C-alpha atoms as a PDB file:
ATOM      1  CA  UNK A   1      -0.065  -0.139   0.099  1.00  0.00           C
ATOM      2  CA  UNK A   2       1.229   3.241  -1.262  1.00  0.00           C
ATOM      3  CA  UNK A   3       1.371   6.484   1.734  1.00  0.00           C
ATOM      4  CA  UNK A   4      -1.168   8.920   1.400  1.00  0.00           C
ATOM      5  CA  UNK A   5      -0.211  12.277   1.924  1.00  0.00           C
ATOM      6  CA  UNK A   6      -3.853  13.256   1.707  1.00  0.00           C
ATOM      7  CA  UNK A   7      -5.090  11.840   4.002  1.00  0.00           C
ATOM      8  CA  UNK A   8      -2.354  13.868   7.251  1.00  0.00           C
ATOM      9  CA  UNK A   9      -4.737  15.737   9.104  1.00  0.00           C
ATOM     10  CA  UNK A  10      -2.101  19.072   8.850  1.00  0.00           C
ATOM     11  CA  UNK A  11       0.146  18.186   5.962  1.00  0.00           C
ATOM     12  CA  UNK A  12       2.872  20.623   6.457  1.00  0.00           C
ATOM     13  CA  UNK A  13       3.806  20.867  10.369  1.00  0.00           C
ATOM     14  CA  UNK A  14       3.899  16.687   9.002  1.00  0.00           C
ATOM     15  CA  UNK A  15       6.664  17.204   5.872  1.00  0.00           C
ATOM     16  CA  UNK A  16       8.364  20.217   8.496  1.00  0.00           C
ATOM     17  CA  UNK A  17       9.018  17.490  11.131  1.00  0.00           C
ATOM     18  CA  UNK A  18       9.639  14.662   8.074  1.00  0.00           C
ATOM     19  CA  UNK A  19      12.711  16.822   6.920  1.00  0.00           C
ATOM     20  CA  UNK A  20      14.874  18.463   9.530  1.00  0.00           C
ATOM     21  CA  UNK A  21      15.755  21.718   8.687  1.00  0.00           C
ATOM     22  CA  UNK A  22      13.816  22.539   6.214  1.00  0.00           C
ATOM     23  CA  UNK A  23      12.848  26.044   7.311  1.00  0.00           C
ATOM     24  CA  UNK A  24      16.445  26.421   6.047  1.00  0.00           C
ATOM     25  CA  UNK A  25      16.223  25.257   2.796  1.00  0.00           C
ATOM     26  CA  UNK A  26      12.800  27.485   2.461  1.00  0.00           C
ATOM     27  CA  UNK A  27      15.092  29.969   3.387  1.00  0.00           C
ATOM     28  CA  UNK A  28      18.145  29.686   0.128  1.00  0.00           C
ATOM     29  CA  UNK A  29      15.928  28.426  -2.139  1.00  0.00           C
ATOM     30  CA  UNK A  30      12.978  31.661  -1.319  1.00  0.00           C
ATOM     31  CA  UNK A  31      15.985  33.748  -2.054  1.00  0.00           C
ATOM     32  CA  UNK A  32      16.492  32.504  -5.208  1.00  0.00           C
ATOM     33  CA  UNK A  33      13.494  33.017  -6.769  1.00  0.00           C
ATOM     34  CA  UNK A  34      13.610  36.173  -5.829  1.00  0.00           C
ATOM     35  CA  UNK A  35      16.837  36.563  -7.213  1.00  0.00           C
ATOM     36  CA  UNK A  36      16.143  34.730 -10.421  1.00  0.00           C
ATOM     37  CA  UNK A  37      12.896  35.483 -11.237  1.00  0.00           C
ATOM     38  CA  UNK A  38      11.727  38.222 -12.980  1.00  0.00           C
ATOM     39  CA  UNK A  39       8.398  40.716 -15.034  1.00  0.00           C
ATOM     40  CA  UNK A  40       6.643  38.494 -16.866  1.00  0.00           C
ATOM     41  CA  UNK A  41       7.850  35.121 -16.364  1.00  0.00           C
ATOM     42  CA  UNK A  42       5.936  32.727 -14.658  1.00  0.00           C
ATOM     43  CA  UNK A  43       7.640  30.990 -11.179  1.00  0.00           C
ATOM     44  CA  UNK A  44       6.222  27.130 -11.313  1.00  0.00           C
ATOM     45  CA  UNK A  45       5.704  24.837  -7.990  1.00  0.00           C
ATOM     46  CA  UNK A  46       5.269  21.521  -9.358  1.00  0.00           C
ATOM     47  CA  UNK A  47       4.393  19.340  -6.807  1.00  0.00           C
ATOM     48  CA  UNK A  48       2.989  21.858  -5.186  1.00  0.00           C
ATOM     49  CA  UNK A  49       0.707  20.299  -2.732  1.00  0.00           C
ATOM     50  CA  UNK A  50      -0.859  22.614   0.232  1.00  0.00           C
ATOM     51  CA  UNK A  51       1.058  25.819  -1.817  1.00  0.00           C
ATOM     52  CA  UNK A  52       3.135  26.572   1.482  1.00  0.00           C
ATOM     53  CA  UNK A  53       6.252  27.658  -0.452  1.00  0.00           C
ATOM     54  CA  UNK A  54       4.876  30.104  -3.103  1.00  0.00           C
ATOM     55  CA  UNK A  55       2.292  31.093  -0.026  1.00  0.00           C
ATOM     56  CA  UNK A  56       5.735  32.072   1.852  1.00  0.00           C
ATOM     57  CA  UNK A  57       7.467  34.102  -1.517  1.00  0.00           C
ATOM     58  CA  UNK A  58       7.042  37.966  -2.313  1.00  0.00           C
ATOM     59  CA  UNK A  59       5.355  38.304  -4.705  1.00  0.00           C
ATOM     60  CA  UNK A  60       7.071  40.124  -7.975  1.00  0.00           C
ATOM     61  CA  UNK A  61       4.713  42.274  -9.919  1.00  0.00           C
ATOM     62  CA  UNK A  62       3.556  40.869 -13.343  1.00  0.00           C
ATOM     63  CA  UNK A  63       5.520  37.829 -12.276  1.00  0.00           C
ATOM     64  CA  UNK A  64       2.866  34.379 -12.344  1.00  0.00           C
ATOM     65  CA  UNK A  65       3.190  32.164  -9.685  1.00  0.00           C
ATOM     66  CA  UNK A  66       1.563  28.769 -10.926  1.00  0.00           C
ATOM     67  CA  UNK A  67       1.125  25.257  -8.203  1.00  0.00           C
ATOM     68  CA  UNK A  68       1.098  22.344 -10.166  1.00  0.00           C
ATOM     69  CA  UNK A  69      -0.239  18.933  -8.704  1.00  0.00           C
ATOM     70  CA  UNK A  70      -1.747  15.857  -9.232  1.00  0.00           C
ATOM     71  CA  UNK A  71      -4.021  15.986  -5.589  1.00  0.00           C
ATOM     72  CA  UNK A  72      -5.639  19.367  -4.457  1.00  0.00           C
ATOM     73  CA  UNK A  73      -4.745  20.383  -0.783  1.00  0.00           C
ATOM     74  CA  UNK A  74      -6.731  23.050   1.031  1.00  0.00           C
ATOM     75  CA  UNK A  75      -4.656  26.279   0.476  1.00  0.00           C
ATOM     76  CA  UNK A  76      -4.311  26.541  -3.571  1.00  0.00           C
ATOM     77  CA  UNK A  77      -6.626  29.548  -3.745  1.00  0.00           C
ATOM     78  CA  UNK A  78      -3.614  31.934  -3.332  1.00  0.00           C
ATOM     79  CA  UNK A  79      -2.298  31.869  -6.327  1.00  0.00           C
ATOM     80  CA  UNK A  80      -3.238  29.718 -10.494  1.00  0.00           C
ATOM     81  CA  UNK A  81      -3.186  26.222  -9.712  1.00  0.00           C
ATOM     82  CA  UNK A  82      -3.105  23.898 -12.611  1.00  0.00           C
ATOM     83  CA  UNK A  83      -4.200  19.314 -11.076  1.00  0.00           C
ATOM     84  CA  UNK A  84      -3.617  16.888 -12.626  1.00  0.00           C
ATOM     85  CA  UNK A  85       0.134  15.237 -14.725  1.00  0.00           C
ATOM     86  CA  UNK A  86       3.738  17.351 -14.589  1.00  0.00           C
ATOM     87  CA  UNK A  87       3.686  16.115 -18.501  1.00  0.00           C
ATOM     88  CA  UNK A  88       0.383  17.403 -19.464  1.00  0.00           C
ATOM     89  CA  UNK A  89       0.803  20.597 -17.656  1.00  0.00           C
ATOM     90  CA  UNK A  90       3.965  21.162 -20.065  1.00  0.00           C
ATOM     91  CA  UNK A  91       2.665  19.971 -23.661  1.00  0.00           C
ATOM     92  CA  UNK A  92      -0.287  22.945 -22.453  1.00  0.00           C
ATOM     93  CA  UNK A  93       1.032  26.068 -24.563  1.00  0.00           C
ATOM     94  CA  UNK A  94      -1.343  28.125 -22.877  1.00  0.00           C
ATOM     95  CA  UNK A  95       1.305  28.115 -18.959  1.00  0.00           C
ATOM     96  CA  UNK A  96       4.699  26.526 -20.858  1.00  0.00           C
ATOM     97  CA  UNK A  97       5.987  29.834 -21.519  1.00  0.00           C
ATOM     98  CA  UNK A  98       8.088  32.259 -20.119  1.00  0.00           C
ATOM     99  CA  UNK A  99       8.672  30.359 -17.369  1.00  0.00           C
ATOM    100  CA  UNK A 100      11.795  31.509 -14.983  1.00  0.00           C
ATOM    101  CA  UNK A 101      12.152  29.779 -12.096  1.00  0.00           C
ATOM    102  CA  UNK A 102      11.330  25.880 -11.976  1.00  0.00           C
ATOM    103  CA  UNK A 103      10.839  24.548  -8.006  1.00  0.00           C
ATOM    104  CA  UNK A 104      10.401  20.119  -7.627  1.00  0.00           C
ATOM    105  CA  UNK A 105      10.940  19.974  -3.592  1.00  0.00           C
ATOM    106  CA  UNK A 106      11.025  16.311  -2.821  1.00  0.00           C
ATOM    107  CA  UNK A 107       8.639  15.883  -6.262  1.00  0.00           C
ATOM    108  CA  UNK A 108      10.648  13.998  -8.561  1.00  0.00           C
ATOM    109  CA  UNK A 109      11.808  10.891  -6.356  1.00  0.00           C
ATOM    110  CA  UNK A 110       7.827  10.203  -6.567  1.00  0.00           C
ATOM    111  CA  UNK A 111       7.841   9.219 -10.504  1.00  0.00           C
ATOM    112  CA  UNK A 112       9.086   6.197 -11.869  1.00  0.00           C
ATOM    113  CA  UNK A 113      12.486   6.259 -13.245  1.00  0.00           C
ATOM    114  CA  UNK A 114      10.590   6.455 -17.396  1.00  0.00           C
ATOM    115  CA  UNK A 115       8.569   9.012 -16.016  1.00  0.00           C
ATOM    116  CA  UNK A 116      11.416  10.751 -14.861  1.00  0.00           C
ATOM    117  CA  UNK A 117      13.838  10.650 -17.644  1.00  0.00           C
ATOM    118  CA  UNK A 118      10.596  12.506 -19.683  1.00  0.00           C
ATOM    119  CA  UNK A 119      10.446  15.182 -16.922  1.00  0.00           C
ATOM    120  CA  UNK A 120      14.340  15.943 -17.093  1.00  0.00           C
ATOM    121  CA  UNK A 121      14.338  16.577 -20.307  1.00  0.00           C
ATOM    122  CA  UNK A 122      11.280  18.742 -20.209  1.00  0.00           C
ATOM    123  CA  UNK A 123      13.162  20.797 -17.318  1.00  0.00           C
ATOM    124  CA  UNK A 124      16.201  20.854 -19.625  1.00  0.00           C
ATOM    125  CA  UNK A 125      14.395  22.896 -22.202  1.00  0.00           C
ATOM    126  CA  UNK A 126      13.351  26.077 -20.512  1.00  0.00           C
ATOM    127  CA  UNK A 127      17.369  25.857 -18.130  1.00  0.00           C
ATOM    128  CA  UNK A 128      18.123  26.068 -21.884  1.00  0.00           C
ATOM    129  CA  UNK A 129      15.703  29.124 -22.363  1.00  0.00           C
ATOM    130  CA  UNK A 130      17.364  30.747 -19.232  1.00  0.00           C
ATOM    131  CA  UNK A 131      15.397  29.112 -16.858  1.00  0.00           C
ATOM    132  CA  UNK A 132      16.472  28.067 -13.159  1.00  0.00           C
ATOM    133  CA  UNK A 133      15.627  24.509 -11.607  1.00  0.00           C
ATOM    134  CA  UNK A 134      15.821  24.618  -7.625  1.00  0.00           C
ATOM    135  CA  UNK A 135      15.113  21.264  -7.146  1.00  0.00           C
ATOM    136  CA  UNK A 136      16.014  18.938  -3.514  1.00  0.00           C
ATOM    137  CA  UNK A 137      15.443  15.679  -2.992  1.00  0.00           C
ATOM    138  CA  UNK A 138      16.275  12.108  -0.270  1.00  0.00           C
ATOM    139  CA  UNK A 139      18.986  10.642  -1.593  1.00  0.00           C
ATOM    140  CA  UNK A 140      21.020   7.287  -0.218  1.00  0.00           C
ATOM    141  CA  UNK A 141      24.368   8.004   0.303  1.00  0.00           C
ATOM    142  CA  UNK A 142      26.996   6.005  -1.410  1.00  0.00           C
ATOM    143  CA  UNK A 143      29.030   4.739   1.589  1.00  0.00           C
ATOM    144  CA  UNK A 144      26.660   2.048   2.927  1.00  0.00           C
ATOM    145  CA  UNK A 145      28.225   2.425   7.087  1.00  0.00           C
ATOM    146  CA  UNK A 146      27.606   5.862   6.864  1.00  0.00           C
ATOM    147  CA  UNK A 147      24.038   5.724   4.762  1.00  0.00           C
ATOM    148  CA  UNK A 148      22.794   3.862   7.558  1.00  0.00           C
ATOM    149  CA  UNK A 149      24.328   5.974  10.248  1.00  0.00           C
ATOM    150  CA  UNK A 150      22.516   9.290   9.284  1.00  0.00           C
ATOM    151  CA  UNK A 151      19.348   6.682   8.935  1.00  0.00           C
ATOM    152  CA  UNK A 152      19.605   6.131  12.295  1.00  0.00           C
ATOM    153  CA  UNK A 153      19.834   9.978  13.529  1.00  0.00           C
ATOM    154  CA  UNK A 154      16.919  10.944  11.596  1.00  0.00           C
ATOM    155  CA  UNK A 155      15.074   7.816  13.122  1.00  0.00           C
ATOM    156  CA  UNK A 156      15.732   9.526  16.134  1.00  0.00           C
ATOM    157  CA  UNK A 157      14.766  12.985  15.005  1.00  0.00           C
ATOM    158  CA  UNK A 158      10.888  11.569  13.377  1.00  0.00           C
ATOM    159  CA  UNK A 159      10.546  10.116  17.111  1.00  0.00           C
ATOM    160  CA  UNK A 160      10.265  13.819  18.666  1.00  0.00           C
ATOM    161  CA  UNK A 161       7.339  13.387  16.208  1.00  0.00           C
ATOM    162  CA  UNK A 162       6.474  10.426  15.740  1.00  0.00           C
ATOM    163  CA  UNK A 163       5.646   6.881  17.093  1.00  0.00           C
ATOM    164  CA  UNK A 164       8.024   3.983  16.115  1.00  0.00           C
ATOM    165  CA  UNK A 165       4.903   2.024  14.332  1.00  0.00           C
ATOM    166  CA  UNK A 166       4.042   5.405  12.520  1.00  0.00           C
ATOM    167  CA  UNK A 167       7.248   5.742  11.518  1.00  0.00           C
ATOM    168  CA  UNK A 168       7.651   2.387  10.781  1.00  0.00           C
ATOM    169  CA  UNK A 169       4.531   2.051   8.686  1.00  0.00           C
ATOM    170  CA  UNK A 170       5.487   5.114   6.702  1.00  0.00           C
ATOM    171  CA  UNK A 171       8.702   3.391   5.618  1.00  0.00           C
ATOM    172  CA  UNK A 172       6.711   0.250   4.580  1.00  0.00           C
ATOM    173  CA  UNK A 173       4.547   2.602   2.496  1.00  0.00           C
ATOM    174  CA  UNK A 174       6.591   4.719   0.929  1.00  0.00           C
ATOM    175  CA  UNK A 175       8.534   1.522  -0.062  1.00  0.00           C
ATOM    176  CA  UNK A 176       6.116   1.304  -3.031  1.00  0.00           C
ATOM    177  CA  UNK A 177       6.060   4.388  -3.713  1.00  0.00           C
ATOM    178  CA  UNK A 178       9.156   6.200  -3.362  1.00  0.00           C
ATOM    179  CA  UNK A 179      12.098   5.905  -5.501  1.00  0.00           C
ATOM    180  CA  UNK A 180      15.211   7.695  -4.754  1.00  0.00           C
ATOM    181  CA  UNK A 181      18.590   8.249  -5.614  1.00  0.00           C
ATOM    182  CA  UNK A 182      22.164   8.237  -4.913  1.00  0.00           C
ATOM    183  CA  UNK A 183      23.517  11.589  -4.293  1.00  0.00           C
ATOM    184  CA  UNK A 184      26.231  10.754  -6.861  1.00  0.00           C
ATOM    185  CA  UNK A 185      23.321   9.165  -9.670  1.00  0.00           C
ATOM    186  CA  UNK A 186      21.185  12.272  -8.358  1.00  0.00           C
ATOM    187  CA  UNK A 187      24.222  15.176  -9.485  1.00  0.00           C
ATOM    188  CA  UNK A 188      25.112  13.016 -13.125  1.00  0.00           C
ATOM    189  CA  UNK A 189      21.437  13.200 -13.948  1.00  0.00           C
ATOM    190  CA  UNK A 190      21.608  17.551 -13.062  1.00  0.00           C
ATOM    191  CA  UNK A 191      24.842  17.924 -14.712  1.00  0.00           C
ATOM    192  CA  UNK A 192      23.552  16.828 -17.827  1.00  0.00           C
ATOM    193  CA  UNK A 193      20.928  19.345 -17.965  1.00  0.00           C
ATOM    194  CA  UNK A 194      22.522  22.646 -16.785  1.00  0.00           C
ATOM    195  CA  UNK A 195      24.961  23.374 -14.301  1.00  0.00           C
ATOM    196  CA  UNK A 196      24.519  22.229 -10.516  1.00  0.00           C
ATOM    197  CA  UNK A 197      25.417  24.131  -7.868  1.00  0.00           C
ATOM    198  CA  UNK A 198      24.868  22.072  -4.278  1.00  0.00           C
ATOM    199  CA  UNK A 199      23.136  24.729  -2.056  1.00  0.00           C
ATOM    200  CA  UNK A 200      22.006  23.286   1.048  1.00  0.00           C
ATOM    201  CA  UNK A 201      22.035  19.534   3.133  1.00  0.00           C
ATOM    202  CA  UNK A 202      20.890  17.824   5.994  1.00  0.00           C
ATOM    203  CA  UNK A 203      21.009  13.980   6.530  1.00  0.00           C
ATOM    204  CA  UNK A 204      20.134  12.351   3.368  1.00  0.00           C
ATOM    205  CA  UNK A 205      18.507  15.395   2.111  1.00  0.00           C
ATOM    206  CA  UNK A 206      19.925  17.194  -0.490  1.00  0.00           C
ATOM    207  CA  UNK A 207      18.896  21.086  -2.421  1.00  0.00           C
ATOM    208  CA  UNK A 208      20.224  22.282  -5.676  1.00  0.00           C
ATOM    209  CA  UNK A 209      20.162  25.032  -7.999  1.00  0.00           C
ATOM    210  CA  UNK A 210      20.438  23.950 -11.512  1.00  0.00           C
ATOM    211  CA  UNK A 211      21.505  26.638 -14.174  1.00  0.00           C
END
């Protein structure tokens, strides 16, 4: 059974407890978004969930902010929202133009490998046209001993907000729907679509800017 994020009562709080130091990633991605967004362009948040990140941005006059997600959650009335598949979004000429910033925070890791490759090619088309991609993902560390050590520390951190049963049940359900790469695999993939800068890391969660 897959983990159903739509059934979480307080989704934003749940994510904050699940990803250590998320607020620092938010601050970095906000500043980068403000730096690269420009008038008469679009800022797109793929996998926007409740719209938490878009709502936190200081809006630039003349810039459109758009959320894209297959699940419509409770906070998406503050900006245009595309409910549907990411590839369908990119095929729509009305929205798929003048993109300055693309955001993917812990979203691509839920796509299968074949679809992920297609989406990366779509990202590359916009990066080649001057857009910036802000991407954050959970990864596996290449060294198995280090990976297990960091994983154990993360479990201890999550126990501050979740019971052991909740942690175990979620891990089992995510194993059927989340497809994480190693840090090396992810950075190799990103280098194929642009110039890569790592701007954040907490445990085995990574954040990058691709230009």
